[in-house]
Amino acid sequence: MLNRRAESSAAKLYTPITRNRNQPWKAYTRNAPLSPSLLCEPLTLIEVHPVTDSYESSTHYEIIVPISGIDHRNVYVFAGPRSIVIEILTKKAIQHASGDAILSERTDQRIRREFILRVPIEAGSTKVKFEGDFLQITASKSREEEQETWSEFIRFDV
């Protein structure tokens, strides 16, 4: 019973909507439902915040982030005077076949985590390496309290 209700709701959700020109007070009407083979997964926002270990000494910061199941080539790290940013970009393509027609669906996802640092870091001191399923980032603290604004993309070998 629940599946029928879900399928019915999904069919209504994915049915094209058109404006009724002859009766403007009827804002929109639905056409016939789409074929069930063209139904896609609903869009959802999933909040995943893996536990991050961070260490601070008198001379440097160290951040360790678990990234199991993520292709290392999709990980990007940026640094600024008081922040380190990790971005993960993924793309997925799915083919849906319905009769003679083929529908292609693309999904792009972006995960961004920013770590705000209490003490500024030195430009060019940020290092990134992969240790198994963990991303390890180290950065040296600056001796000066205030710095000019800078930003850098951290290059690393996969």
C-alpha atoms as a PDB file:
ATOM      1  CA  MET A   1       0.000   0.000   0.000  1.00  0.00           C
ATOM      2  CA  LEU A   2       2.769   2.409   0.909  1.00  0.00           C
ATOM      3  CA  ASN A   3       4.614   1.688  -2.352  1.00  0.00           C
ATOM      4  CA  ARG A   4       1.488   2.505  -4.405  1.00  0.00           C
ATOM      5  CA  ARG A   5       1.112   5.808  -2.596  1.00  0.00           C
ATOM      6  CA  ALA A   6       4.795   6.595  -3.139  1.00  0.00           C
ATOM      7  CA  GLU A   7       4.569   5.683  -6.843  1.00  0.00           C
ATOM      8  CA  SER A   8       1.420   7.794  -7.215  1.00  0.00           C
ATOM      9  CA  SER A   9       3.072  10.752  -5.487  1.00  0.00           C
ATOM     10  CA  ALA A  10       6.203  10.325  -7.566  1.00  0.00           C
ATOM     11  CA  ALA A  11       4.166  10.177 -10.789  1.00  0.00           C
ATOM     12  CA  LYS A  12       2.409  13.427  -9.836  1.00  0.00           C
ATOM     13  CA  LEU A  13       5.721  14.991  -8.871  1.00  0.00           C
ATOM     14  CA  TYR A  14       7.353  14.201 -12.212  1.00  0.00           C
ATOM     15  CA  THR A  15       4.323  14.983 -14.403  1.00  0.00           C
ATOM     16  CA  PRO A  16       4.765  18.042 -16.646  1.00  0.00           C
ATOM     17  CA  ILE A  17       2.697  21.071 -15.626  1.00  0.00           C
ATOM     18  CA  THR A  18       1.124  23.395 -18.242  1.00  0.00           C
ATOM     19  CA  ARG A  19      -0.707  26.707 -17.943  1.00  0.00           C
ATOM     20  CA  ASN A  20      -4.410  26.739 -18.845  1.00  0.00           C
ATOM     21  CA  ARG A  21      -4.707  29.747 -21.223  1.00  0.00           C
ATOM     22  CA  ASN A  22      -8.487  29.613 -21.589  1.00  0.00           C
ATOM     23  CA  GLN A  23      -9.113  29.843 -17.842  1.00  0.00           C
ATOM     24  CA  PRO A  24      -6.365  31.969 -16.216  1.00  0.00           C
ATOM     25  CA  TRP A  25      -7.895  31.525 -12.734  1.00  0.00           C
ATOM     26  CA  LYS A  26      -6.924  27.853 -13.025  1.00  0.00           C
ATOM     27  CA  ALA A  27      -3.230  28.464 -12.761  1.00  0.00           C
ATOM     28  CA  TYR A  28      -1.852  25.062 -13.724  1.00  0.00           C
ATOM     29  CA  THR A  29      -3.129  21.647 -14.769  1.00  0.00           C
ATOM     30  CA  ARG A  30      -1.266  18.383 -15.029  1.00  0.00           C
ATOM     31  CA  ASN A  31      -0.948  16.363 -18.217  1.00  0.00           C
ATOM     32  CA  ALA A  32      -0.929  12.568 -18.269  1.00  0.00           C
ATOM     33  CA  PRO A  33       1.743  11.045 -15.999  1.00  0.00           C
ATOM     34  CA  LEU A  34       5.136  10.152 -17.394  1.00  0.00           C
ATOM     35  CA  SER A  35       6.183   6.579 -17.962  1.00  0.00           C
ATOM     36  CA  PRO A  36       7.370   4.993 -14.672  1.00  0.00           C
ATOM     37  CA  SER A  37      10.651   4.038 -16.377  1.00  0.00           C
ATOM     38  CA  LEU A  38      11.548   7.741 -16.581  1.00  0.00           C
ATOM     39  CA  LEU A  39      11.100   8.375 -12.868  1.00  0.00           C
ATOM     40  CA  CYS A  40      14.278   9.511 -11.148  1.00  0.00           C
ATOM     41  CA  GLU A  41      15.384   9.532  -7.559  1.00  0.00           C
ATOM     42  CA  PRO A  42      14.171  12.636  -5.695  1.00  0.00           C
ATOM     43  CA  LEU A  43      16.753  15.297  -4.891  1.00  0.00           C
ATOM     44  CA  THR A  44      17.910  15.181  -1.301  1.00  0.00           C
ATOM     45  CA  LEU A  45      20.427  17.021   0.814  1.00  0.00           C
ATOM     46  CA  ILE A  46      22.464  14.660   2.913  1.00  0.00           C
ATOM     47  CA  GLU A  47      24.358  16.159   5.798  1.00  0.00           C
ATOM     48  CA  VAL A  48      27.501  14.147   6.340  1.00  0.00           C
ATOM     49  CA  HIS A  49      30.177  15.566   8.591  1.00  0.00           C
ATOM     50  CA  PRO A  50      32.835  12.955   9.174  1.00  0.00           C
ATOM     51  CA  VAL A  51      34.695  13.373  12.422  1.00  0.00           C
ATOM     52  CA  THR A  52      37.834  15.424  11.910  1.00  0.00           C
ATOM     53  CA  ASP A  53      40.911  15.304  14.111  1.00  0.00           C
ATOM     54  CA  SER A  54      42.814  18.547  14.477  1.00  0.00           C
ATOM     55  CA  TYR A  55      45.975  19.226  16.429  1.00  0.00           C
ATOM     56  CA  GLU A  56      47.640  22.509  17.237  1.00  0.00           C
ATOM     57  CA  SER A  57      51.175  23.008  18.501  1.00  0.00           C
ATOM     58  CA  SER A  58      53.118  26.192  19.086  1.00  0.00           C
ATOM     59  CA  THR A  59      54.496  26.020  15.516  1.00  0.00           C
ATOM     60  CA  HIS A  60      51.891  24.328  13.293  1.00  0.00           C
ATOM     61  CA  TYR A  61      48.386  22.996  12.677  1.00  0.00           C
ATOM     62  CA  GLU A  62      47.538  19.433  11.624  1.00  0.00           C
ATOM     63  CA  ILE A  63      44.095  18.421  10.308  1.00  0.00           C
ATOM     64  CA  ILE A  64      43.157  14.801   9.543  1.00  0.00           C
ATOM     65  CA  VAL A  65      39.940  14.144   7.587  1.00  0.00           C
ATOM     66  CA  PRO A  66      38.541  10.671   6.718  1.00  0.00           C
ATOM     67  CA  ILE A  67      37.736  10.405   2.993  1.00  0.00           C
ATOM     68  CA  SER A  68      36.970   6.712   2.501  1.00  0.00           C
ATOM     69  CA  GLY A  69      35.175   5.914  -0.747  1.00  0.00           C
ATOM     70  CA  ILE A  70      36.189   9.201  -2.396  1.00  0.00           C
ATOM     71  CA  ASP A  71      38.449   9.263  -5.440  1.00  0.00           C
ATOM     72  CA  HIS A  72      41.518  11.296  -4.429  1.00  0.00           C
ATOM     73  CA  ARG A  73      41.517  13.005  -7.838  1.00  0.00           C
ATOM     74  CA  ASN A  74      38.258  14.762  -6.837  1.00  0.00           C
ATOM     75  CA  VAL A  75      39.729  16.384  -3.707  1.00  0.00           C
ATOM     76  CA  TYR A  76      40.927  20.010  -3.790  1.00  0.00           C
ATOM     77  CA  VAL A  77      42.573  21.953  -0.949  1.00  0.00           C
ATOM     78  CA  PHE A  78      42.897  25.738  -0.688  1.00  0.00           C
ATOM     79  CA  ALA A  79      44.603  27.809   1.999  1.00  0.00           C
ATOM     80  CA  GLY A  80      44.440  31.415   3.134  1.00  0.00           C
ATOM     81  CA  PRO A  81      45.938  33.319   6.081  1.00  0.00           C
ATOM     82  CA  ARG A  82      43.280  32.103   8.555  1.00  0.00           C
ATOM     83  CA  SER A  83      41.505  29.239   6.793  1.00  0.00           C
ATOM     84  CA  ILE A  84      41.931  25.893   5.040  1.00  0.00           C
ATOM     85  CA  VAL A  85      39.223  24.760   2.623  1.00  0.00           C
ATOM     86  CA  ILE A  86      38.637  21.206   1.381  1.00  0.00           C
ATOM     87  CA  GLU A  87      36.388  20.735  -1.669  1.00  0.00           C
ATOM     88  CA  ILE A  88      35.233  17.423  -3.078  1.00  0.00           C
ATOM     89  CA  LEU A  89      33.620  17.462  -6.538  1.00  0.00           C
ATOM     90  CA  THR A  90      31.847  14.398  -7.928  1.00  0.00           C
ATOM     91  CA  LYS A  91      29.952  13.734 -11.153  1.00  0.00           C
ATOM     92  CA  LYS A  92      27.689  10.827 -11.989  1.00  0.00           C
ATOM     93  CA  ALA A  93      25.881   9.967 -15.233  1.00  0.00           C
ATOM     94  CA  ILE A  94      22.959   7.538 -15.529  1.00  0.00           C
ATOM     95  CA  GLN A  95      21.250   6.264 -18.685  1.00  0.00           C
ATOM     96  CA  HIS A  96      17.476   5.647 -18.561  1.00  0.00           C
ATOM     97  CA  ALA A  97      15.995   3.590 -21.417  1.00  0.00           C
ATOM     98  CA  SER A  98      12.305   3.842 -22.279  1.00  0.00           C
ATOM     99  CA  GLY A  99      11.248   2.187 -25.516  1.00  0.00           C
ATOM    100  CA  ASP A 100      13.342   3.681 -28.315  1.00  0.00           C
ATOM    101  CA  ALA A 101      14.314   6.791 -26.361  1.00  0.00           C
ATOM    102  CA  ILE A 102      17.306   7.072 -24.084  1.00  0.00           C
ATOM    103  CA  LEU A 103      17.344   9.731 -21.414  1.00  0.00           C
ATOM    104  CA  SER A 104      20.652  10.732 -19.870  1.00  0.00           C
ATOM    105  CA  GLU A 105      20.814  12.185 -16.363  1.00  0.00           C
ATOM    106  CA  ARG A 106      23.851  13.943 -14.843  1.00  0.00           C
ATOM    107  CA  THR A 107      24.377  14.680 -11.173  1.00  0.00           C
ATOM    108  CA  ASP A 108      27.112  17.004  -9.915  1.00  0.00           C
ATOM    109  CA  GLN A 109      27.849  17.227  -6.191  1.00  0.00           C
ATOM    110  CA  ARG A 110      30.102  19.597  -4.291  1.00  0.00           C
ATOM    111  CA  ILE A 111      31.116  19.161  -0.666  1.00  0.00           C
ATOM    112  CA  ARG A 112      32.998  22.045   0.929  1.00  0.00           C
ATOM    113  CA  ARG A 113      34.480  22.178   4.424  1.00  0.00           C
ATOM    114  CA  GLU A 114      36.247  25.220   5.781  1.00  0.00           C
ATOM    115  CA  PHE A 115      38.433  25.278   8.882  1.00  0.00           C
ATOM    116  CA  ILE A 116      38.863  28.726  10.446  1.00  0.00           C
ATOM    117  CA  LEU A 117      42.215  29.041  12.207  1.00  0.00           C
ATOM    118  CA  ARG A 118      42.813  31.008  15.395  1.00  0.00           C
ATOM    119  CA  VAL A 119      46.387  32.013  14.442  1.00  0.00           C
ATOM    120  CA  PRO A 120      47.329  32.880  10.823  1.00  0.00           C
ATOM    121  CA  ILE A 121      49.481  30.473   8.788  1.00  0.00           C
ATOM    122  CA  GLU A 122      52.478  31.172   6.574  1.00  0.00           C
ATOM    123  CA  ALA A 123      51.882  31.433   2.831  1.00  0.00           C
ATOM    124  CA  GLY A 124      53.327  28.388   1.050  1.00  0.00           C
ATOM    125  CA  SER A 125      53.623  26.289   4.214  1.00  0.00           C
ATOM    126  CA  THR A 126      50.524  24.110   3.742  1.00  0.00           C
ATOM    127  CA  LYS A 127      51.241  20.466   2.857  1.00  0.00           C
ATOM    128  CA  VAL A 128      48.724  17.765   1.909  1.00  0.00           C
ATOM    129  CA  LYS A 129      49.167  13.993   1.770  1.00  0.00           C
ATOM    130  CA  PHE A 130      46.982  10.912   1.743  1.00  0.00           C
ATOM    131  CA  GLU A 131      47.472   8.249   4.405  1.00  0.00           C
ATOM    132  CA  GLY A 132      45.186   5.368   3.376  1.00  0.00           C
ATOM    133  CA  ASP A 133      41.613   6.632   3.706  1.00  0.00           C
ATOM    134  CA  PHE A 134      42.670   9.847   5.452  1.00  0.00           C
ATOM    135  CA  LEU A 135      43.648  13.278   4.166  1.00  0.00           C
ATOM    136  CA  GLN A 136      46.375  14.875   6.293  1.00  0.00           C
ATOM    137  CA  ILE A 137      46.931  18.642   6.082  1.00  0.00           C
ATOM    138  CA  THR A 138      49.730  20.457   7.918  1.00  0.00           C
ATOM    139  CA  ALA A 139      50.438  24.198   7.943  1.00  0.00           C
ATOM    140  CA  SER A 140      53.041  26.274   9.786  1.00  0.00           C
ATOM    141  CA  LYS A 141      51.853  29.091  11.988  1.00  0.00           C
ATOM    142  CA  SER A 142      52.923  32.594  11.067  1.00  0.00           C
ATOM    143  CA  ARG A 143      55.214  34.558  13.359  1.00  0.00           C
ATOM    144  CA  GLU A 144      53.385  37.760  12.404  1.00  0.00           C
ATOM    145  CA  GLU A 145      49.864  38.335  13.719  1.00  0.00           C
ATOM    146  CA  GLU A 146      48.619  40.198  10.631  1.00  0.00           C
ATOM    147  CA  GLN A 147      49.484  39.301   7.028  1.00  0.00           C
ATOM    148  CA  GLU A 148      48.607  40.541   3.598  1.00  0.00           C
ATOM    149  CA  THR A 149      45.674  38.709   2.068  1.00  0.00           C
ATOM    150  CA  TRP A 150      46.706  35.674   0.048  1.00  0.00           C
ATOM    151  CA  SER A 151      45.159  32.475  -1.250  1.00  0.00           C
ATOM    152  CA  GLU A 152      46.690  29.347  -2.724  1.00  0.00           C
ATOM    153  CA  PHE A 153      45.627  26.093  -4.303  1.00  0.00           C
ATOM    154  CA  ILE A 154      47.586  23.276  -2.668  1.00  0.00           C
ATOM    155  CA  ARG A 155      49.010  20.783  -5.154  1.00  0.00           C
ATOM    156  CA  PHE A 156      49.585  17.200  -4.106  1.00  0.00           C
ATOM    157  CA  ASP A 157      50.290  13.826  -5.689  1.00  0.00           C
ATOM    158  CA  VAL A 158      47.563  11.211  -5.761  1.00  0.00           C
END
